[in-house]
Amino acid sequence: MKALRSRSVLWTAATCGAVGLFGFVFGDRLQLAFACVIYLLLTIIVAWQARFRAAVVTAVYATLCLDYFFTEPKRTLRLVSIADFASVTAFASVALLVSHLSNRVRQQAEDLVLQRERQRALHELSAAALLLDWREAYGEHLAWLVERTLNTEGVSIWTAREERTWVAGNIDIPADSLRATFMAGKEYDLTRNGVAIRLLKSGTRNIGVLCIRSQQVDALTVDSVASIISSSLERVRALRSEVTAQSERLSEQLRTSVLDGLAHAFKTPLTTISVASAGLAEVANLPEEQRGELLALIRKEADRLNLITEQVLRTARLEWDKVLTLTCVNLGVLLEETISVLGEQAAGKIEVVQQTPRMTIEADRAVLKIAFEQILENALKYGDPGARVTVSIAVRESAAMISIHNHGSYISPEEQQLVFTKFYRSPTVVHRASGTGIGLSVAQHAVVAHGGTITIKSDEGEGTTFVITLPIQEGEGES
């Protein structure tokens, strides 16, 4: 504002000096009509560059100079001719009118530019708000974005849901005042302080308060900013609610799959116990050494059943966000543990090839072991009798890739997605081996819960390969 006043004073002084100098030099040489045109042009220039007040001063001074230098008697401020009086009066009227119109055109042009700048700022604010990461300190970033985009002195945002205040810049409106404004449900402007307070609304419901300190932002722009912030806050709330609901659904699916897998795991130890106990009952004169081996096997499988039961109970009690317990897992070691759990059916039939030794990832050891156990058990069950199952571990594009291949089984392209459906069993193998159709569904849920994928490659001559891909976070991999 001070710069504008200084500019007006300078333009007025310079133009008045030029008017006086022109009259002094050409007062005796030029006619009054020509002088009026020159002075009118100078007045219009001042009106365009220095606004209306400076043009009024210039017009009045030019009128006096016309009388002093160009009318008879010259060098006096006295008019004796009616024609001269009419000419000077007409000049003054036209100069003031044209100055006023010129100033209006200039003001409209400035308003248009200002409006365009505000629209650009609002568009930039709206676009930037959509790009903010809603998982981080969204409110603070939003307040800072408004303060930077609109070039305000300060911005404060208060939300009723969290009862939190986010501040950017220099603004001293306390949170209690914003809360009181929210409770009163009123909006107002403190023109003297340049403060505008608006309610943030979602439909007809108030959700918070926006406070902006600025001498340059008009009320309409503040209203638009309030609408953008309201939409942004509701968008974040909806996203968080959706993600929470989705996480709950996925975690519940995982928990159900883990329970299914653990229940499925009961079969092997129960079968072993049943066979061993039947042997003890049917063979009366069994040697002590063999009897001891069968009793040890029964104890081992009973302990395994006890462990599985504990896992079932622990999984059933878990909260939705605590199903996975992530630790650093060596994939080679985990696969060896899984193979040992499979017992006699896997003895000497599974070969593990590690293209990347000591591969480690962040995973839930128990849940991932269930996935490996289900796929390895299927590979042994449906492969050619006596054929070996090959397991390879490698790294492909920042992911651990575990391939489990067997000879003799074939899964058609039409069934490669169906086999992951719970309780589905292919008609081609339903009479080949017993099963429940749960295992592969459990394995897929366990792998997906770790952010991975599981796919099938199958050929009638080469056999079937299950490819498990698990993400490797930064700092993981070979250790």
Protein backbone atom coordinates (compact mmCIF):
# COMPACT_ATOMS: atom_id res chain seq x y z
CA MET A 1 0.00 0.00 0.00
CA LYS A 2 2.82 2.42 0.88
CA ALA A 3 4.59 1.60 -2.38
CA LEU A 4 1.40 2.38 -4.30
CA ARG A 5 1.05 5.75 -2.59
CA SER A 6 4.68 6.63 -3.27
CA ARG A 7 4.21 5.68 -6.91
CA SER A 8 1.10 7.90 -7.19
CA VAL A 9 2.93 10.86 -5.65
CA LEU A 10 5.87 10.45 -8.01
CA TRP A 11 3.64 10.18 -11.08
CA THR A 12 1.60 13.22 -9.98
CA ALA A 13 4.69 15.33 -9.29
CA ALA A 14 6.38 14.35 -12.55
CA THR A 15 3.26 14.97 -14.64
CA CYS A 16 2.51 18.30 -13.00
CA GLY A 17 6.11 19.31 -13.63
CA ALA A 18 5.76 18.32 -17.29
CA VAL A 19 2.44 20.23 -17.56
CA GLY A 20 3.98 23.36 -16.09
CA LEU A 21 7.12 23.11 -18.23
CA PHE A 22 5.04 22.56 -21.38
CA GLY A 23 2.96 25.64 -20.65
CA PHE A 24 6.01 27.76 -19.85
CA VAL A 25 7.78 26.78 -23.10
CA PHE A 26 4.86 26.68 -25.52
CA GLY A 27 2.38 29.08 -23.91
CA ASP A 28 3.01 31.78 -26.52
CA ARG A 29 3.38 29.41 -29.47
CA LEU A 30 0.46 27.00 -29.37
CA GLN A 31 -3.29 27.37 -29.47
CA LEU A 32 -5.51 26.52 -26.49
CA ALA A 33 -7.14 23.56 -28.31
CA PHE A 34 -3.83 21.83 -28.96
CA ALA A 35 -2.72 22.38 -25.36
CA CYS A 36 -6.00 20.84 -24.14
CA VAL A 37 -5.29 17.68 -26.16
CA ILE A 38 -1.74 17.38 -24.77
CA TYR A 39 -2.89 17.95 -21.18
CA LEU A 40 -5.79 15.50 -21.58
CA LEU A 41 -3.35 12.82 -22.81
CA LEU A 42 -1.08 13.38 -19.81
CA THR A 43 -4.07 13.19 -17.45
CA ILE A 44 -5.20 9.86 -18.97
CA ILE A 45 -1.68 8.44 -18.57
CA VAL A 46 -1.67 9.42 -14.89
CA ALA A 47 -5.13 7.91 -14.41
CA TRP A 48 -3.94 4.59 -15.87
CA GLN A 49 -0.63 4.46 -14.01
CA ALA A 50 -1.36 6.17 -10.68
CA ARG A 51 -5.15 5.84 -10.19
CA PHE A 52 -7.99 8.35 -10.01
CA ARG A 53 -6.86 10.63 -7.18
CA ALA A 54 -3.58 11.42 -8.87
CA ALA A 55 -5.47 12.05 -12.13
CA VAL A 56 -7.80 14.52 -10.35
CA VAL A 57 -4.82 16.47 -9.02
CA THR A 58 -3.23 16.43 -12.48
CA ALA A 59 -6.48 17.54 -14.16
CA VAL A 60 -6.96 20.45 -11.74
CA TYR A 61 -3.35 21.57 -12.14
CA ALA A 62 -3.60 21.26 -15.95
CA THR A 63 -6.79 23.38 -15.91
CA LEU A 64 -4.96 26.11 -13.98
CA CYS A 65 -2.01 25.91 -16.38
CA LEU A 66 -4.37 26.26 -19.38
CA ASP A 67 -5.80 29.42 -17.85
CA TYR A 68 -2.38 30.77 -16.87
CA PHE A 69 -0.40 30.04 -20.03
CA PHE A 70 -2.88 29.74 -22.91
CA THR A 71 -5.82 32.13 -22.28
CA GLU A 72 -5.96 35.93 -22.39
CA PRO A 73 -4.72 37.71 -20.39
CA LYS A 74 -1.76 35.32 -20.18
CA ARG A 75 0.31 34.79 -17.05
CA THR A 76 -2.76 35.45 -14.93
CA LEU A 77 -5.46 33.23 -13.44
CA ARG A 78 -8.29 35.23 -14.94
CA LEU A 79 -10.68 34.49 -17.80
CA VAL A 80 -12.24 37.31 -19.75
CA SER A 81 -13.44 35.38 -22.80
CA ILE A 82 -16.57 33.26 -22.64
CA ALA A 83 -15.06 30.98 -25.30
CA ASP A 84 -11.92 30.45 -23.21
CA PHE A 85 -14.05 29.82 -20.12
CA ALA A 86 -16.09 27.23 -22.01
CA SER A 87 -12.95 25.56 -23.36
CA VAL A 88 -11.26 25.32 -19.95
CA THR A 89 -14.44 24.09 -18.30
CA ALA A 90 -14.96 21.50 -21.02
CA PHE A 91 -11.35 20.36 -20.63
CA ALA A 92 -11.73 19.94 -16.86
CA SER A 93 -14.97 17.97 -17.25
CA VAL A 94 -13.65 15.72 -20.00
CA ALA A 95 -10.36 15.17 -18.16
CA LEU A 96 -12.15 14.11 -14.96
CA LEU A 97 -14.64 11.91 -16.84
CA VAL A 98 -11.99 10.20 -18.96
CA SER A 99 -9.79 9.75 -15.88
CA HIS A 100 -12.66 8.11 -14.06
CA LEU A 101 -13.45 5.77 -16.97
CA SER A 102 -9.77 4.95 -17.47
CA ASN A 103 -9.41 4.16 -13.78
CA ARG A 104 -12.47 1.91 -13.93
CA VAL A 105 -11.12 -0.02 -16.90
CA ARG A 106 -7.79 -0.38 -15.13
CA GLN A 107 -9.50 -1.58 -11.95
CA GLN A 108 -11.54 -4.14 -13.88
CA ALA A 109 -8.41 -5.40 -15.61
CA GLU A 110 -6.66 -5.75 -12.25
CA ASP A 111 -9.69 -7.52 -10.77
CA LEU A 112 -9.72 -9.90 -13.73
CA VAL A 113 -6.03 -10.71 -13.27
CA LEU A 114 -6.56 -11.12 -9.53
CA GLN A 115 -9.53 -13.40 -10.10
CA ARG A 116 -7.52 -15.49 -12.53
CA GLU A 117 -4.70 -15.77 -10.00
CA ARG A 118 -7.13 -16.83 -7.29
CA GLN A 119 -8.66 -19.46 -9.58
CA ARG A 120 -5.19 -20.74 -10.38
CA ALA A 121 -4.32 -20.84 -6.68
CA LEU A 122 -7.54 -22.71 -5.85
CA HIS A 123 -6.92 -25.19 -8.65
CA GLU A 124 -3.35 -25.72 -7.45
CA LEU A 125 -4.58 -26.17 -3.87
CA SER A 126 -7.23 -28.68 -4.92
CA ALA A 127 -4.78 -30.69 -7.03
CA ALA A 128 -2.06 -30.65 -4.37
CA ALA A 129 -4.53 -31.71 -1.66
CA LEU A 130 -5.35 -34.83 -3.68
CA LEU A 131 -1.65 -35.72 -3.84
CA LEU A 132 -1.04 -35.47 -0.09
CA ASP A 133 -0.26 -38.76 1.64
CA TRP A 134 -3.29 -39.41 3.86
CA ARG A 135 -1.31 -41.91 5.97
CA GLU A 136 1.03 -39.21 7.32
CA ALA A 137 0.39 -35.91 9.19
CA TYR A 138 -2.31 -34.93 6.73
CA GLY A 139 -3.78 -31.98 8.69
CA GLU A 140 -0.42 -30.26 9.17
CA HIS A 141 0.47 -30.68 5.49
CA LEU A 142 -2.94 -29.36 4.45
CA ALA A 143 -2.61 -26.23 6.60
CA TRP A 144 0.90 -25.62 5.25
CA LEU A 145 -0.36 -26.11 1.69
CA VAL A 146 -3.11 -23.48 2.12
CA GLU A 147 -0.66 -21.03 3.69
CA ARG A 148 1.88 -21.47 0.87
CA THR A 149 -0.54 -21.60 -2.07
CA LEU A 150 -2.57 -18.51 -1.09
CA ASN A 151 0.44 -16.68 0.37
CA THR A 152 -1.39 -15.98 3.65
CA GLU A 153 0.07 -14.87 6.95
CA GLY A 154 -1.27 -17.90 8.80
CA VAL A 155 -3.76 -20.78 8.63
CA SER A 156 -5.41 -22.80 11.39
CA ILE A 157 -7.58 -25.91 10.93
CA TRP A 158 -9.59 -27.44 13.80
CA THR A 159 -11.51 -30.70 13.39
CA ALA A 160 -14.29 -31.89 15.64
CA ARG A 161 -13.66 -35.62 15.13
CA GLU A 162 -10.08 -35.56 16.44
CA GLU A 163 -10.43 -32.27 18.36
CA ARG A 164 -7.03 -31.30 17.02
CA THR A 165 -5.68 -28.03 15.65
CA TRP A 166 -3.18 -27.80 12.81
CA VAL A 167 -1.41 -24.46 12.36
CA ALA A 168 0.81 -23.06 9.62
CA GLY A 169 2.37 -19.59 9.61
CA ASN A 170 1.69 -16.83 12.12
CA ILE A 171 -1.80 -16.98 13.59
CA ASP A 172 -2.74 -16.60 17.24
CA ILE A 173 -6.35 -17.79 17.35
CA PRO A 174 -6.55 -20.31 20.25
CA ALA A 175 -8.15 -23.72 19.80
CA ASP A 176 -10.81 -22.85 22.40
CA SER A 177 -12.00 -19.97 20.23
CA LEU A 178 -12.25 -22.23 17.21
CA ARG A 179 -14.14 -24.81 19.26
CA ALA A 180 -16.53 -22.09 20.49
CA THR A 181 -17.09 -21.00 16.87
CA PHE A 182 -17.87 -24.60 15.96
CA MET A 183 -20.34 -24.94 18.84
CA ALA A 184 -22.01 -21.63 17.94
CA GLY A 185 -22.19 -22.61 14.26
CA LYS A 186 -21.38 -19.07 13.07
CA GLU A 187 -18.93 -17.69 10.53
CA TYR A 188 -17.46 -14.20 10.67
CA ASP A 189 -14.69 -11.91 9.39
CA LEU A 190 -12.46 -9.65 11.49
CA THR A 191 -11.73 -7.09 8.77
CA ARG A 192 -9.41 -4.96 10.89
CA ASN A 193 -7.18 -7.95 11.71
CA GLY A 194 -7.55 -9.58 8.30
CA VAL A 195 -8.96 -12.77 9.89
CA ALA A 196 -11.65 -14.90 8.26
CA ILE A 197 -13.28 -17.85 10.07
CA ARG A 198 -15.35 -20.44 8.23
CA LEU A 199 -17.12 -23.63 9.24
CA LEU A 200 -15.97 -26.82 7.53
CA LYS A 201 -18.99 -28.83 6.41
CA SER A 202 -19.79 -32.25 5.05
CA GLY A 203 -23.23 -31.84 3.56
CA THR A 204 -25.23 -30.14 6.30
CA ARG A 205 -23.02 -31.45 9.10
CA ASN A 206 -20.26 -29.28 10.57
CA ILE A 207 -16.95 -31.12 10.86
CA GLY A 208 -14.50 -28.37 11.82
CA VAL A 209 -13.36 -24.76 11.57
CA LEU A 210 -10.96 -22.95 9.21
CA CYS A 211 -9.22 -19.72 10.18
CA ILE A 212 -7.15 -17.68 7.69
CA ARG A 213 -5.18 -14.50 8.41
CA SER A 214 -4.58 -12.45 5.26
CA GLN A 215 -5.25 -8.92 4.01
CA GLN A 216 -5.30 -10.08 0.39
CA VAL A 217 -7.69 -13.06 0.31
CA ASP A 218 -11.33 -12.12 -0.25
CA ALA A 219 -14.34 -13.76 1.39
CA LEU A 220 -15.31 -15.74 -1.72
CA THR A 221 -11.85 -17.32 -1.92
CA VAL A 222 -11.99 -18.22 1.78
CA ASP A 223 -15.35 -19.93 1.19
CA SER A 224 -13.85 -21.91 -1.69
CA VAL A 225 -10.83 -22.92 0.41
CA ALA A 226 -13.16 -24.09 3.19
CA SER A 227 -15.01 -26.30 0.69
CA ILE A 228 -11.74 -27.80 -0.61
CA ILE A 229 -10.49 -28.53 2.91
CA SER A 230 -13.83 -30.06 3.91
CA SER A 231 -13.76 -32.35 0.89
CA SER A 232 -10.13 -33.30 1.57
CA LEU A 233 -10.77 -34.13 5.23
CA GLU A 234 -13.82 -36.22 4.37
CA ARG A 235 -11.87 -37.99 1.63
CA VAL A 236 -9.14 -38.91 4.13
CA ARG A 237 -11.72 -40.10 6.66
CA ALA A 238 -13.40 -42.26 4.01
CA LEU A 239 -10.06 -43.70 2.84
CA ARG A 240 -9.01 -44.56 6.38
CA SER A 241 -12.38 -46.16 7.12
CA GLU A 242 -12.19 -48.16 3.89
CA VAL A 243 -8.62 -49.30 4.56
CA THR A 244 -9.51 -50.27 8.12
CA ALA A 245 -12.53 -52.25 6.95
CA GLN A 246 -10.49 -53.88 4.19
CA SER A 247 -7.72 -54.78 6.66
CA GLU A 248 -10.28 -56.29 9.00
CA ARG A 249 -11.76 -58.37 6.18
CA LEU A 250 -8.36 -59.56 4.93
CA SER A 251 -7.15 -60.34 8.43
CA GLU A 252 -10.31 -62.27 9.19
CA GLN A 253 -9.84 -64.22 5.97
CA LEU A 254 -6.24 -64.92 6.93
CA ARG A 255 -7.22 -66.00 10.43
CA THR A 256 -9.87 -68.33 8.99
CA SER A 257 -7.35 -69.75 6.53
CA VAL A 258 -4.76 -70.27 9.28
CA LEU A 259 -7.34 -72.10 11.37
CA ASP A 260 -8.29 -74.19 8.34
CA GLY A 261 -4.63 -74.98 7.75
CA LEU A 262 -4.02 -75.93 11.35
CA ALA A 263 -7.12 -78.10 11.36
CA HIS A 264 -5.90 -79.66 8.12
CA ALA A 265 -2.55 -80.32 9.80
CA PHE A 266 -4.25 -82.53 12.39
CA LYS A 267 -4.57 -85.29 9.79
CA THR A 268 -0.91 -86.33 9.58
CA PRO A 269 -0.15 -86.82 13.31
CA LEU A 270 -3.55 -88.43 13.86
CA THR A 271 -2.86 -90.90 11.06
CA THR A 272 0.58 -91.67 12.47
CA ILE A 273 -0.78 -92.19 15.99
CA SER A 274 -3.56 -94.38 14.64
CA VAL A 275 -1.16 -96.60 12.66
CA ALA A 276 1.37 -96.87 15.51
CA SER A 277 -1.26 -97.69 18.14
CA ALA A 278 -2.83 -100.28 15.81
CA GLY A 279 0.58 -101.90 15.43
CA LEU A 280 1.03 -102.07 19.19
CA ALA A 281 -2.42 -103.59 19.60
CA GLU A 282 -2.19 -106.19 16.83
CA VAL A 283 1.36 -107.49 17.39
CA ALA A 284 1.47 -109.05 20.85
CA ASN A 285 5.09 -110.17 20.89
CA LEU A 286 6.60 -107.01 19.43
CA PRO A 287 10.29 -106.59 20.39
CA GLU A 288 11.01 -103.94 23.01
CA GLU A 289 13.11 -101.90 20.61
CA GLN A 290 10.32 -101.62 18.04
CA ARG A 291 7.76 -101.08 20.78
CA GLY A 292 9.86 -98.22 22.13
CA GLU A 293 10.15 -96.71 18.65
CA LEU A 294 6.37 -96.83 18.19
CA LEU A 295 5.78 -95.31 21.63
CA ALA A 296 8.32 -92.55 20.89
CA LEU A 297 6.58 -91.89 17.58
CA ILE A 298 3.22 -91.65 19.34
CA ARG A 299 4.66 -89.20 21.89
CA LYS A 300 6.25 -87.12 19.14
CA GLU A 301 3.03 -86.89 17.17
CA ALA A 302 1.04 -86.20 20.35
CA ASP A 303 3.39 -83.31 21.11
CA ARG A 304 2.87 -82.08 17.58
CA LEU A 305 -0.89 -82.25 18.05
CA ASN A 306 -0.51 -80.28 21.28
CA LEU A 307 1.51 -77.63 19.45
CA ILE A 308 -1.06 -77.40 16.68
CA THR A 309 -3.84 -77.08 19.26
CA GLU A 310 -2.00 -74.22 20.94
CA GLN A 311 -1.60 -72.50 17.56
CA VAL A 312 -5.32 -72.90 16.87
CA LEU A 313 -6.27 -71.40 20.23
CA ARG A 314 -3.75 -68.58 19.89
CA THR A 315 -4.93 -67.74 16.38
CA ALA A 316 -8.57 -67.74 17.48
CA ARG A 317 -7.76 -65.21 20.22
CA LEU A 318 -5.72 -62.87 17.99
CA GLU A 319 -6.95 -59.38 17.20
CA TRP A 320 -7.48 -58.60 13.53
CA ASP A 321 -4.29 -56.53 13.24
CA LYS A 322 -2.04 -59.07 15.02
CA VAL A 323 -2.51 -62.21 12.94
CA LEU A 324 0.99 -62.00 11.45
CA THR A 325 4.03 -61.91 13.73
CA LEU A 326 6.86 -60.81 11.46
CA THR A 327 10.42 -61.92 12.14
CA CYS A 328 13.56 -62.43 10.07
CA VAL A 329 13.11 -65.85 8.41
CA ASN A 330 15.73 -67.85 6.53
CA LEU A 331 13.80 -69.47 3.68
CA GLY A 332 16.18 -72.41 3.30
CA VAL A 333 16.00 -73.27 6.99
CA LEU A 334 12.21 -72.85 7.02
CA LEU A 335 11.83 -75.25 4.08
CA GLU A 336 14.05 -77.82 5.77
CA GLU A 337 11.91 -77.55 8.92
CA THR A 338 8.77 -78.00 6.82
CA ILE A 339 10.22 -81.09 5.12
CA SER A 340 11.10 -82.63 8.49
CA VAL A 341 7.53 -82.04 9.68
CA LEU A 342 6.20 -84.04 6.72
CA GLY A 343 8.07 -87.03 8.10
CA GLU A 344 8.35 -90.36 6.27
CA GLN A 345 6.34 -89.29 3.23
CA ALA A 346 8.99 -86.67 2.41
CA ALA A 347 12.10 -88.59 3.42
CA GLY A 348 14.58 -88.54 0.54
CA LYS A 349 11.96 -87.32 -1.91
CA ILE A 350 12.48 -83.53 -1.76
CA GLU A 351 15.57 -81.73 -3.02
CA VAL A 352 16.16 -78.07 -2.08
CA VAL A 353 18.31 -76.00 -4.44
CA GLN A 354 19.29 -72.52 -3.23
CA GLN A 355 20.54 -70.34 -6.07
CA THR A 356 20.89 -67.57 -3.48
CA PRO A 357 22.26 -69.01 -0.22
CA ARG A 358 21.01 -67.73 3.15
CA MET A 359 17.98 -65.95 1.67
CA THR A 360 16.08 -64.13 4.46
CA ILE A 361 12.82 -62.17 4.45
CA GLU A 362 10.43 -60.58 6.96
CA ALA A 363 7.62 -63.09 7.49
CA ASP A 364 5.51 -64.99 9.99
CA ARG A 365 7.39 -68.25 10.36
CA ALA A 366 4.39 -70.37 11.45
CA VAL A 367 2.00 -69.04 8.78
CA LEU A 368 4.54 -69.35 5.95
CA LYS A 369 5.43 -72.87 7.09
CA ILE A 370 1.76 -73.84 6.75
CA ALA A 371 1.78 -72.59 3.13
CA PHE A 372 4.95 -74.54 2.27
CA GLU A 373 3.61 -77.65 4.01
CA GLN A 374 0.36 -77.64 2.04
CA ILE A 375 2.08 -77.24 -1.34
CA LEU A 376 4.84 -79.78 -0.62
CA GLU A 377 2.28 -82.29 0.64
CA ASN A 378 0.26 -81.85 -2.58
CA ALA A 379 3.40 -82.21 -4.72
CA LEU A 380 4.27 -85.50 -2.98
CA LYS A 381 0.70 -86.78 -3.06
CA TYR A 382 -0.09 -86.15 -6.73
CA GLY A 383 3.35 -86.71 -8.31
CA ASP A 384 4.57 -89.95 -9.85
CA PRO A 385 5.39 -92.62 -7.27
CA GLY A 386 9.06 -92.43 -6.40
CA ALA A 387 9.58 -89.14 -8.31
CA ARG A 388 11.51 -86.41 -6.52
CA VAL A 389 10.09 -82.96 -5.74
CA THR A 390 12.47 -80.11 -6.53
CA VAL A 391 12.40 -76.88 -4.53
CA SER A 392 14.48 -73.91 -5.73
CA ILE A 393 15.05 -70.55 -4.04
CA ALA A 394 16.17 -67.53 -6.06
CA VAL A 395 15.91 -63.74 -6.28
CA ARG A 396 14.05 -62.10 -9.17
CA GLU A 397 13.56 -58.31 -9.34
CA SER A 398 13.67 -57.59 -5.59
CA ALA A 399 11.52 -60.61 -4.73
CA ALA A 400 12.22 -64.06 -3.33
CA MET A 401 10.98 -66.76 -5.69
CA ILE A 402 10.33 -70.27 -4.38
CA SER A 403 9.52 -72.85 -7.07
CA ILE A 404 8.13 -76.27 -6.07
CA HIS A 405 8.12 -78.74 -8.99
CA ASN A 406 6.90 -82.34 -9.27
CA HIS A 407 6.67 -84.82 -12.13
CA GLY A 408 3.51 -86.65 -13.05
CA SER A 409 0.78 -84.20 -12.13
CA TYR A 410 -0.97 -81.86 -14.55
CA ILE A 411 -3.36 -78.95 -13.89
CA SER A 412 -5.20 -77.62 -16.92
CA PRO A 413 -5.29 -73.84 -17.53
CA GLU A 414 -9.01 -73.83 -16.76
CA GLU A 415 -8.38 -75.30 -13.30
CA GLN A 416 -5.30 -73.32 -12.33
CA GLN A 417 -7.40 -70.72 -10.50
CA LEU A 418 -10.08 -73.13 -9.33
CA VAL A 419 -7.61 -75.21 -7.31
CA PHE A 420 -7.18 -72.28 -4.88
CA THR A 421 -10.91 -72.28 -4.14
CA LYS A 422 -11.75 -73.75 -0.76
CA PHE A 423 -13.04 -77.37 -0.94
CA TYR A 424 -12.43 -77.63 -4.69
CA ARG A 425 -10.89 -80.91 -5.90
CA SER A 426 -10.15 -81.64 -9.54
CA PRO A 427 -12.22 -84.50 -11.01
CA THR A 428 -9.00 -85.94 -12.50
CA VAL A 429 -7.43 -86.57 -9.04
CA VAL A 430 -10.43 -87.02 -6.77
CA HIS A 431 -10.00 -90.82 -6.90
CA ARG A 432 -6.21 -90.73 -7.00
CA ALA A 433 -5.60 -89.55 -3.42
CA SER A 434 -7.65 -88.50 -0.43
CA GLY A 435 -7.99 -84.85 0.49
CA THR A 436 -10.26 -82.05 1.68
CA GLY A 437 -9.62 -79.34 -0.92
CA ILE A 438 -8.54 -76.88 1.77
CA GLY A 439 -4.74 -76.99 1.52
CA LEU A 440 -4.10 -74.79 -1.54
CA SER A 441 -6.69 -72.23 -0.43
CA VAL A 442 -4.86 -71.93 2.91
CA ALA A 443 -1.50 -71.64 1.13
CA GLN A 444 -2.74 -68.85 -1.16
CA HIS A 445 -4.18 -66.80 1.72
CA ALA A 446 -0.96 -67.19 3.70
CA VAL A 447 1.19 -66.03 0.76
CA VAL A 448 -1.11 -63.09 -0.12
CA ALA A 449 -1.08 -61.99 3.54
CA HIS A 450 2.70 -61.52 3.17
CA GLY A 451 2.20 -59.35 0.06
CA GLY A 452 3.19 -62.18 -2.26
CA THR A 453 1.68 -64.17 -5.11
CA ILE A 454 1.35 -67.83 -5.98
CA THR A 455 1.03 -69.03 -9.58
CA ILE A 456 1.00 -72.37 -11.40
CA LYS A 457 2.94 -73.58 -14.43
CA SER A 458 1.83 -76.99 -15.65
CA ASP A 459 2.73 -79.20 -18.60
CA GLU A 460 1.51 -82.73 -19.28
CA GLY A 461 5.03 -83.94 -20.06
CA GLU A 462 7.10 -81.86 -17.62
CA GLY A 463 4.83 -81.81 -14.58
CA THR A 464 3.60 -78.96 -12.39
CA THR A 465 5.43 -76.06 -10.73
CA PHE A 466 3.99 -73.83 -8.00
CA VAL A 467 5.82 -70.48 -8.00
CA ILE A 468 5.65 -68.45 -4.78
CA THR A 469 6.88 -64.86 -4.96
CA LEU A 470 7.47 -62.95 -1.71
CA PRO A 471 8.59 -59.30 -1.51
CA ILE A 472 12.03 -58.48 -0.13
CA GLN A 473 12.18 -55.25 1.86
CA GLU A 474 15.22 -52.99 1.77
CA GLY A 475 18.00 -54.49 3.85
CA GLU A 476 16.76 -58.08 3.42
CA GLY A 477 17.91 -60.79 1.03
CA GLU A 478 21.24 -62.55 1.25
CA SER A 479 22.67 -62.55 4.76
